Amino acid sequence: MENNKQELLALGSIVVLKGGYKKLMIVGRMQLQGEEEKLWDYLGVLYPEGYLGNDYTFLFNNEDIDEVIFKEIGRGSCRERV
């Protein structure tokens, strides 16, 4: 399971997926799914609603992102609004 893709966005970043209109906040990275252990770049929840249960979590990859609304920069207090 290797990931040669571009650098991943930080937790807390907010994105809109291609073909979507609802904002998602990234709450997990490098997620394994199912018995086949498919590797996804991100786990997201609806924003600003947050976690509403497993039916409202979304697995997606970098190439699925259409727009980065807010980019969290690591653990410090530096943040960047895109």
C-alpha atoms as a PDB file:
ATOM      1  CA  MET A   1       0.000   0.000   0.000  1.00  0.00           C
ATOM      2  CA  GLU A   2       1.937   2.982  -1.179  1.00  0.00           C
ATOM      3  CA  ASN A   3       0.815   6.477  -1.945  1.00  0.00           C
ATOM      4  CA  ASN A   4       2.947   8.302  -4.538  1.00  0.00           C
ATOM      5  CA  LYS A   5       0.443  11.132  -4.864  1.00  0.00           C
ATOM      6  CA  GLN A   6       1.000  14.779  -4.070  1.00  0.00           C
ATOM      7  CA  GLU A   7       1.237  15.900  -0.469  1.00  0.00           C
ATOM      8  CA  LEU A   8      -1.962  15.414   1.510  1.00  0.00           C
ATOM      9  CA  LEU A   9      -3.999  18.250   2.989  1.00  0.00           C
ATOM     10  CA  ALA A  10      -3.922  18.605   6.774  1.00  0.00           C
ATOM     11  CA  LEU A  11      -6.724  17.548   9.089  1.00  0.00           C
ATOM     12  CA  GLY A  12      -9.259  20.358   9.456  1.00  0.00           C
ATOM     13  CA  SER A  13      -8.970  21.467   5.836  1.00  0.00           C
ATOM     14  CA  ILE A  14     -12.296  22.136   4.110  1.00  0.00           C
ATOM     15  CA  VAL A  15     -12.962  21.049   0.525  1.00  0.00           C
ATOM     16  CA  VAL A  16     -15.686  20.630  -2.088  1.00  0.00           C
ATOM     17  CA  LEU A  17     -15.576  17.474  -4.215  1.00  0.00           C
ATOM     18  CA  LYS A  18     -15.991  17.362  -7.985  1.00  0.00           C
ATOM     19  CA  GLY A  19     -19.684  17.198  -8.828  1.00  0.00           C
ATOM     20  CA  GLY A  20     -20.573  18.208  -5.265  1.00  0.00           C
ATOM     21  CA  TYR A  21     -21.817  21.360  -3.632  1.00  0.00           C
ATOM     22  CA  LYS A  22     -21.537  20.546   0.081  1.00  0.00           C
ATOM     23  CA  LYS A  23     -18.361  21.370   2.014  1.00  0.00           C
ATOM     24  CA  LEU A  24     -16.470  18.551   3.722  1.00  0.00           C
ATOM     25  CA  MET A  25     -13.964  18.844   6.553  1.00  0.00           C
ATOM     26  CA  ILE A  26     -11.066  16.390   6.484  1.00  0.00           C
ATOM     27  CA  VAL A  27     -11.016  14.391   9.734  1.00  0.00           C
ATOM     28  CA  GLY A  28      -8.855  11.433   8.681  1.00  0.00           C
ATOM     29  CA  ARG A  29      -6.055  10.597   6.251  1.00  0.00           C
ATOM     30  CA  MET A  30      -4.790   7.381   4.679  1.00  0.00           C
ATOM     31  CA  GLN A  31      -7.940   5.394   5.472  1.00  0.00           C
ATOM     32  CA  LEU A  32      -8.326   1.661   4.789  1.00  0.00           C
ATOM     33  CA  GLN A  33     -11.765   0.441   3.706  1.00  0.00           C
ATOM     34  CA  GLY A  34     -13.206  -3.042   3.796  1.00  0.00           C
ATOM     35  CA  GLU A  35     -11.685  -6.472   3.623  1.00  0.00           C
ATOM     36  CA  GLU A  36      -9.820  -5.575   0.425  1.00  0.00           C
ATOM     37  CA  GLU A  37      -8.230  -2.745   2.433  1.00  0.00           C
ATOM     38  CA  LYS A  38      -8.678  -0.157  -0.299  1.00  0.00           C
ATOM     39  CA  LEU A  39      -6.574   2.881   0.612  1.00  0.00           C
ATOM     40  CA  TRP A  40      -8.202   6.323   0.427  1.00  0.00           C
ATOM     41  CA  ASP A  41      -6.421   9.638   0.915  1.00  0.00           C
ATOM     42  CA  TYR A  42      -9.094  11.199   3.145  1.00  0.00           C
ATOM     43  CA  LEU A  43     -12.081  10.712   5.409  1.00  0.00           C
ATOM     44  CA  GLY A  44     -14.405  13.714   5.537  1.00  0.00           C
ATOM     45  CA  VAL A  45     -17.543  14.832   7.329  1.00  0.00           C
ATOM     46  CA  LEU A  46     -20.105  17.440   6.353  1.00  0.00           C
ATOM     47  CA  TYR A  47     -19.137  21.000   7.215  1.00  0.00           C
ATOM     48  CA  PRO A  48     -20.303  22.790   9.310  1.00  0.00           C
ATOM     49  CA  GLU A  49     -22.552  19.970  10.558  1.00  0.00           C
ATOM     50  CA  GLY A  50     -19.726  17.650  11.634  1.00  0.00           C
ATOM     51  CA  TYR A  51     -20.025  13.949  12.406  1.00  0.00           C
ATOM     52  CA  LEU A  52     -23.643  12.763  12.084  1.00  0.00           C
ATOM     53  CA  GLY A  53     -22.955   9.014  12.025  1.00  0.00           C
ATOM     54  CA  ASN A  54     -21.244   6.518   9.719  1.00  0.00           C
ATOM     55  CA  ASP A  55     -23.795   7.121   6.941  1.00  0.00           C
ATOM     56  CA  TYR A  56     -22.507  10.689   6.668  1.00  0.00           C
ATOM     57  CA  THR A  57     -18.761  10.081   6.357  1.00  0.00           C
ATOM     58  CA  PHE A  58     -17.052  10.249   2.979  1.00  0.00           C
ATOM     59  CA  LEU A  59     -13.903   8.564   1.678  1.00  0.00           C
ATOM     60  CA  PHE A  60     -12.155  10.336  -1.191  1.00  0.00           C
ATOM     61  CA  ASN A  61      -8.809  10.933  -2.895  1.00  0.00           C
ATOM     62  CA  ASN A  62      -6.852  14.039  -3.910  1.00  0.00           C
ATOM     63  CA  GLU A  63      -8.097  13.775  -7.487  1.00  0.00           C
ATOM     64  CA  ASP A  64     -11.723  13.953  -6.263  1.00  0.00           C
ATOM     65  CA  ILE A  65     -11.240  17.462  -4.822  1.00  0.00           C
ATOM     66  CA  ASP A  66     -12.615  20.304  -6.938  1.00  0.00           C
ATOM     67  CA  GLU A  67     -11.918  23.222  -4.587  1.00  0.00           C
ATOM     68  CA  VAL A  68     -10.000  23.811  -1.362  1.00  0.00           C
ATOM     69  CA  ILE A  69     -12.024  26.278   0.722  1.00  0.00           C
ATOM     70  CA  PHE A  70      -9.763  26.329   3.793  1.00  0.00           C
ATOM     71  CA  LYS A  71      -6.313  24.841   4.167  1.00  0.00           C
ATOM     72  CA  GLU A  72      -5.190  23.973   7.684  1.00  0.00           C
ATOM     73  CA  ILE A  73      -1.421  24.303   8.039  1.00  0.00           C
ATOM     74  CA  GLY A  74      -0.128  21.671  10.450  1.00  0.00           C
ATOM     75  CA  ARG A  75      -0.473  21.871  14.229  1.00  0.00           C
ATOM     76  CA  GLY A  76       0.513  25.481  14.821  1.00  0.00           C
ATOM     77  CA  SER A  77      -1.672  28.533  14.842  1.00  0.00           C
ATOM     78  CA  CYS A  78      -0.836  29.433  11.232  1.00  0.00           C
ATOM     79  CA  ARG A  79      -3.848  29.049   8.982  1.00  0.00           C
ATOM     80  CA  GLU A  80      -4.481  29.929   5.385  1.00  0.00           C
ATOM     81  CA  ARG A  81      -7.832  30.805   3.854  1.00  0.00           C
ATOM     82  CA  VAL A  82      -7.865  29.921   0.170  1.00  0.00           C
END
